[in-house]
Amino acid sequence: MVKPAWVRGNVRIVASVLAEVERAGREAYGRDEEACGFLTGPADDELLVDRAVPLENLANKYHAIDPTQHPRTGREYFKINSLKFERSIEEGNRTNRPVKVFFHSHLDCGAYFSEEDAASMTMGEGNAPTYDLAYLVTAVDRGEVTAHRLFVWDSDARAFVEAPFQRMER
């Protein structure tokens, strides 16, 4: 099966989409949690991303209900409703607006792809990602966005590596 172009990076992200990711990141910082969501674009332009869809980070809710089973908070990681996310992927494919990028923020620690991020996106160490996506990490330091970095799966290295992306004015 041929992988879509966006899994290799080089996506073009419309400036207003990055602005939405930044807004979500700043707002989530104010709630002391990571922002998360996904980016979509038209199927006939595989590298164009022109819409952001924020998702609710459920980590703080799970922690509040059962801190023993869920010891980490939304400040340390994101937890999404995976069924809703899978439905969004299916709907995007059906409507020719595929999900191309998953985004999340890091609070006060930089824009890098952590071991926790890798574990969330794969079925275990060294396994390929569950979905054919690129991954945008946004650093929010002291409430301000300081960086965006895009990561993709390198099947030879069996790891996530940084890839270029372009901010596109529109």
C-alpha atoms as a PDB file:
ATOM      1  CA  MET A   1       0.000   0.000   0.000  1.00  0.00           C
ATOM      2  CA  VAL A   2       1.324   3.430  -0.952  1.00  0.00           C
ATOM      3  CA  LYS A   3       1.658   5.824   1.961  1.00  0.00           C
ATOM      4  CA  PRO A   4       0.252   9.335   1.563  1.00  0.00           C
ATOM      5  CA  ALA A   5       2.764  12.119   0.876  1.00  0.00           C
ATOM      6  CA  TRP A   6       2.151  13.911   4.181  1.00  0.00           C
ATOM      7  CA  VAL A   7       3.730  11.085   6.200  1.00  0.00           C
ATOM      8  CA  ARG A   8       7.116  12.204   4.833  1.00  0.00           C
ATOM      9  CA  GLY A   9       6.730  15.809   5.999  1.00  0.00           C
ATOM     10  CA  ASN A  10       6.995  18.874   3.783  1.00  0.00           C
ATOM     11  CA  VAL A  11       3.369  19.721   4.501  1.00  0.00           C
ATOM     12  CA  ARG A  12       2.216  23.257   3.814  1.00  0.00           C
ATOM     13  CA  ILE A  13       0.237  24.535   6.777  1.00  0.00           C
ATOM     14  CA  VAL A  14      -1.953  27.580   6.188  1.00  0.00           C
ATOM     15  CA  ALA A  15      -1.049  30.426   8.575  1.00  0.00           C
ATOM     16  CA  SER A  16      -4.567  30.594  10.029  1.00  0.00           C
ATOM     17  CA  VAL A  17      -4.307  26.887  10.923  1.00  0.00           C
ATOM     18  CA  LEU A  18      -1.054  27.474  12.792  1.00  0.00           C
ATOM     19  CA  ALA A  19      -2.752  30.423  14.511  1.00  0.00           C
ATOM     20  CA  GLU A  20      -5.554  28.065  15.649  1.00  0.00           C
ATOM     21  CA  VAL A  21      -2.988  25.551  16.969  1.00  0.00           C
ATOM     22  CA  GLU A  22      -1.266  28.381  18.839  1.00  0.00           C
ATOM     23  CA  ARG A  23      -4.567  29.635  20.274  1.00  0.00           C
ATOM     24  CA  ALA A  24      -5.425  26.110  21.439  1.00  0.00           C
ATOM     25  CA  GLY A  25      -1.966  25.768  22.977  1.00  0.00           C
ATOM     26  CA  ARG A  26      -2.190  29.054  24.895  1.00  0.00           C
ATOM     27  CA  GLU A  27      -5.709  28.283  26.135  1.00  0.00           C
ATOM     28  CA  ALA A  28      -4.710  24.776  27.239  1.00  0.00           C
ATOM     29  CA  TYR A  29      -1.685  26.240  29.016  1.00  0.00           C
ATOM     30  CA  GLY A  30      -4.108  28.396  30.995  1.00  0.00           C
ATOM     31  CA  ARG A  31      -5.885  25.188  32.061  1.00  0.00           C
ATOM     32  CA  ASP A  32      -2.509  23.602  32.888  1.00  0.00           C
ATOM     33  CA  GLU A  33      -2.813  20.946  30.205  1.00  0.00           C
ATOM     34  CA  GLU A  34      -1.482  20.036  26.786  1.00  0.00           C
ATOM     35  CA  ALA A  35      -3.554  20.998  23.773  1.00  0.00           C
ATOM     36  CA  CYS A  36      -4.246  18.312  21.183  1.00  0.00           C
ATOM     37  CA  GLY A  37      -6.127  17.864  17.937  1.00  0.00           C
ATOM     38  CA  PHE A  38      -5.683  17.215  14.257  1.00  0.00           C
ATOM     39  CA  LEU A  39      -5.164  18.996  10.959  1.00  0.00           C
ATOM     40  CA  THR A  40      -6.906  18.181   7.699  1.00  0.00           C
ATOM     41  CA  GLY A  41      -6.706  19.180   4.079  1.00  0.00           C
ATOM     42  CA  PRO A  42      -7.984  18.295   0.640  1.00  0.00           C
ATOM     43  CA  ALA A  43      -7.241  14.803  -0.669  1.00  0.00           C
ATOM     44  CA  ASP A  44      -6.267  16.152  -4.089  1.00  0.00           C
ATOM     45  CA  ASP A  45      -3.405  18.211  -2.587  1.00  0.00           C
ATOM     46  CA  GLU A  46      -1.721  15.768  -0.231  1.00  0.00           C
ATOM     47  CA  LEU A  47       0.666  18.313   1.285  1.00  0.00           C
ATOM     48  CA  LEU A  48      -1.850  21.101   1.965  1.00  0.00           C
ATOM     49  CA  VAL A  49      -3.237  21.468   5.491  1.00  0.00           C
ATOM     50  CA  ASP A  50      -6.005  24.043   5.760  1.00  0.00           C
ATOM     51  CA  ARG A  51      -8.103  23.212   8.827  1.00  0.00           C
ATOM     52  CA  ALA A  52      -7.428  22.628  12.536  1.00  0.00           C
ATOM     53  CA  VAL A  53      -9.736  20.620  14.782  1.00  0.00           C
ATOM     54  CA  PRO A  54      -8.898  20.833  18.501  1.00  0.00           C
ATOM     55  CA  LEU A  55      -9.756  17.831  20.672  1.00  0.00           C
ATOM     56  CA  GLU A  56     -10.470  17.699  24.384  1.00  0.00           C
ATOM     57  CA  ASN A  57      -7.561  16.525  26.516  1.00  0.00           C
ATOM     58  CA  LEU A  58      -9.188  14.073  28.930  1.00  0.00           C
ATOM     59  CA  ALA A  59      -6.119  13.489  31.103  1.00  0.00           C
ATOM     60  CA  ASN A  60      -7.148  15.863  33.917  1.00  0.00           C
ATOM     61  CA  LYS A  61     -10.649  14.357  34.046  1.00  0.00           C
ATOM     62  CA  TYR A  62      -9.275  10.826  34.300  1.00  0.00           C
ATOM     63  CA  HIS A  63      -6.775  11.945  36.950  1.00  0.00           C
ATOM     64  CA  ALA A  64      -9.513  13.639  39.021  1.00  0.00           C
ATOM     65  CA  ILE A  65     -11.698  10.512  38.945  1.00  0.00           C
ATOM     66  CA  ASP A  66      -8.939   8.015  39.772  1.00  0.00           C
ATOM     67  CA  PRO A  67      -5.484   9.435  40.500  1.00  0.00           C
ATOM     68  CA  THR A  68      -4.161   5.987  41.385  1.00  0.00           C
ATOM     69  CA  GLN A  69      -4.923   4.500  37.968  1.00  0.00           C
ATOM     70  CA  HIS A  70      -4.202   7.815  36.191  1.00  0.00           C
ATOM     71  CA  PRO A  71      -1.374   9.424  38.148  1.00  0.00           C
ATOM     72  CA  ARG A  72      -0.316  11.913  35.462  1.00  0.00           C
ATOM     73  CA  THR A  73      -2.219  15.060  34.633  1.00  0.00           C
ATOM     74  CA  GLY A  74      -2.896  16.894  31.402  1.00  0.00           C
ATOM     75  CA  ARG A  75       0.188  19.007  32.025  1.00  0.00           C
ATOM     76  CA  GLU A  76       2.314  15.906  31.422  1.00  0.00           C
ATOM     77  CA  TYR A  77       0.478  14.220  28.543  1.00  0.00           C
ATOM     78  CA  PHE A  78      -2.670  14.157  26.471  1.00  0.00           C
ATOM     79  CA  LYS A  79      -5.449  11.596  26.468  1.00  0.00           C
ATOM     80  CA  ILE A  80      -8.104  11.743  23.765  1.00  0.00           C
ATOM     81  CA  ASN A  81     -11.315   9.919  23.026  1.00  0.00           C
ATOM     82  CA  SER A  82      -9.810   7.429  20.578  1.00  0.00           C
ATOM     83  CA  LEU A  83     -13.203   6.377  19.196  1.00  0.00           C
ATOM     84  CA  LYS A  84     -14.034   9.983  18.230  1.00  0.00           C
ATOM     85  CA  PHE A  85     -10.588  10.347  16.667  1.00  0.00           C
ATOM     86  CA  GLU A  86     -11.002   7.150  14.632  1.00  0.00           C
ATOM     87  CA  ARG A  87     -14.400   8.373  13.447  1.00  0.00           C
ATOM     88  CA  SER A  88     -12.816  11.674  12.388  1.00  0.00           C
ATOM     89  CA  ILE A  89     -10.226   9.769  10.361  1.00  0.00           C
ATOM     90  CA  GLU A  90     -12.941   7.676   8.696  1.00  0.00           C
ATOM     91  CA  GLU A  91     -15.071  10.757   7.964  1.00  0.00           C
ATOM     92  CA  GLY A  92     -12.064  12.599   6.529  1.00  0.00           C
ATOM     93  CA  ASN A  93     -11.315   9.722   4.167  1.00  0.00           C
ATOM     94  CA  ARG A  94     -14.974   9.443   3.156  1.00  0.00           C
ATOM     95  CA  THR A  95     -15.306  13.182   2.428  1.00  0.00           C
ATOM     96  CA  ASN A  96     -11.915  13.591   0.686  1.00  0.00           C
ATOM     97  CA  ARG A  97     -10.633  15.741   3.607  1.00  0.00           C
ATOM     98  CA  PRO A  98      -8.211  13.334   5.271  1.00  0.00           C
ATOM     99  CA  VAL A  99      -6.629  13.843   8.652  1.00  0.00           C
ATOM    100  CA  LYS A 100      -2.974  14.494   7.841  1.00  0.00           C
ATOM    101  CA  VAL A 101      -1.367  15.750  11.044  1.00  0.00           C
ATOM    102  CA  PHE A 102      -1.956  15.131  14.741  1.00  0.00           C
ATOM    103  CA  PHE A 103      -0.940  18.095  16.895  1.00  0.00           C
ATOM    104  CA  HIS A 104      -0.262  18.592  20.566  1.00  0.00           C
ATOM    105  CA  SER A 105       1.566  21.036  22.779  1.00  0.00           C
ATOM    106  CA  HIS A 106       4.271  20.713  25.389  1.00  0.00           C
ATOM    107  CA  LEU A 107       4.249  22.996  28.419  1.00  0.00           C
ATOM    108  CA  ASP A 108       7.475  24.693  29.482  1.00  0.00           C
ATOM    109  CA  CYS A 109       9.774  22.050  28.008  1.00  0.00           C
ATOM    110  CA  GLY A 110      10.221  22.617  24.261  1.00  0.00           C
ATOM    111  CA  ALA A 111       8.889  21.128  21.036  1.00  0.00           C
ATOM    112  CA  TYR A 112      10.278  17.608  20.843  1.00  0.00           C
ATOM    113  CA  PHE A 113       8.800  14.163  20.241  1.00  0.00           C
ATOM    114  CA  SER A 114       8.976  12.397  23.596  1.00  0.00           C
ATOM    115  CA  GLU A 115       8.996   8.681  24.360  1.00  0.00           C
ATOM    116  CA  GLU A 116       5.450   9.167  25.721  1.00  0.00           C
ATOM    117  CA  ASP A 117       4.415  10.776  22.414  1.00  0.00           C
ATOM    118  CA  ALA A 118       5.870   7.843  20.487  1.00  0.00           C
ATOM    119  CA  ALA A 119       4.122   5.320  22.749  1.00  0.00           C
ATOM    120  CA  SER A 120       0.799   7.146  22.283  1.00  0.00           C
ATOM    121  CA  MET A 121       1.062   7.004  18.498  1.00  0.00           C
ATOM    122  CA  THR A 122       2.263   3.404  18.133  1.00  0.00           C
ATOM    123  CA  MET A 123       1.348   0.042  19.540  1.00  0.00           C
ATOM    124  CA  GLY A 124       4.646  -0.184  21.428  1.00  0.00           C
ATOM    125  CA  GLU A 125       8.354   0.432  21.143  1.00  0.00           C
ATOM    126  CA  GLY A 126       9.681   0.176  17.599  1.00  0.00           C
ATOM    127  CA  ASN A 127       6.274  -0.370  16.035  1.00  0.00           C
ATOM    128  CA  ALA A 128       5.019   1.809  13.222  1.00  0.00           C
ATOM    129  CA  PRO A 129       2.398   4.447  14.025  1.00  0.00           C
ATOM    130  CA  THR A 130      -1.197   3.360  14.260  1.00  0.00           C
ATOM    131  CA  TYR A 131      -2.241   5.985  11.683  1.00  0.00           C
ATOM    132  CA  ASP A 132      -0.586   7.405   8.559  1.00  0.00           C
ATOM    133  CA  LEU A 133       0.010  10.886   9.969  1.00  0.00           C
ATOM    134  CA  ALA A 134       2.646  13.505  10.565  1.00  0.00           C
ATOM    135  CA  TYR A 135       2.902  14.918  14.092  1.00  0.00           C
ATOM    136  CA  LEU A 136       3.190  18.605  14.994  1.00  0.00           C
ATOM    137  CA  VAL A 137       4.506  19.487  18.451  1.00  0.00           C
ATOM    138  CA  THR A 138       4.100  23.057  19.678  1.00  0.00           C
ATOM    139  CA  ALA A 139       6.104  24.449  22.587  1.00  0.00           C
ATOM    140  CA  VAL A 140       4.176  26.731  24.927  1.00  0.00           C
ATOM    141  CA  ASP A 141       6.562  28.320  27.397  1.00  0.00           C
ATOM    142  CA  ARG A 142       5.194  30.567  30.160  1.00  0.00           C
ATOM    143  CA  GLY A 143       1.946  30.833  28.191  1.00  0.00           C
ATOM    144  CA  GLU A 144       3.520  31.874  24.873  1.00  0.00           C
ATOM    145  CA  VAL A 145       4.126  29.729  21.797  1.00  0.00           C
ATOM    146  CA  THR A 146       7.864  29.495  21.192  1.00  0.00           C
ATOM    147  CA  ALA A 147       8.241  26.765  18.552  1.00  0.00           C
ATOM    148  CA  HIS A 148       6.583  24.297  16.200  1.00  0.00           C
ATOM    149  CA  ARG A 149       8.333  21.117  15.042  1.00  0.00           C
ATOM    150  CA  LEU A 150       6.985  18.419  12.730  1.00  0.00           C
ATOM    151  CA  PHE A 151       7.831  14.737  13.154  1.00  0.00           C
ATOM    152  CA  VAL A 152       7.317  11.728  10.891  1.00  0.00           C
ATOM    153  CA  TRP A 153       7.952   8.001  11.207  1.00  0.00           C
ATOM    154  CA  ASP A 154      11.234   6.784   9.717  1.00  0.00           C
ATOM    155  CA  SER A 155      10.681   3.081   9.054  1.00  0.00           C
ATOM    156  CA  ASP A 156      14.411   2.401   8.567  1.00  0.00           C
ATOM    157  CA  ALA A 157      15.341   3.983  11.909  1.00  0.00           C
ATOM    158  CA  ARG A 158      12.109   2.694  13.487  1.00  0.00           C
ATOM    159  CA  ALA A 159      11.738   6.067  15.167  1.00  0.00           C
ATOM    160  CA  PHE A 160      10.118   9.460  14.780  1.00  0.00           C
ATOM    161  CA  VAL A 161      12.380  12.052  13.160  1.00  0.00           C
ATOM    162  CA  GLU A 162      12.006  15.765  12.559  1.00  0.00           C
ATOM    163  CA  ALA A 163      10.795  16.763   9.105  1.00  0.00           C
ATOM    164  CA  PRO A 164      10.381  20.152   7.442  1.00  0.00           C
ATOM    165  CA  PHE A 165       7.079  21.932   7.002  1.00  0.00           C
ATOM    166  CA  GLN A 166       6.119  25.238   5.482  1.00  0.00           C
ATOM    167  CA  ARG A 167       3.907  27.981   6.879  1.00  0.00           C
ATOM    168  CA  MET A 168       1.752  29.140   3.997  1.00  0.00           C
ATOM    169  CA  GLU A 169       0.154  32.566   3.827  1.00  0.00           C
ATOM    170  CA  ARG A 170      -3.277  32.524   2.267  1.00  0.00           C
END
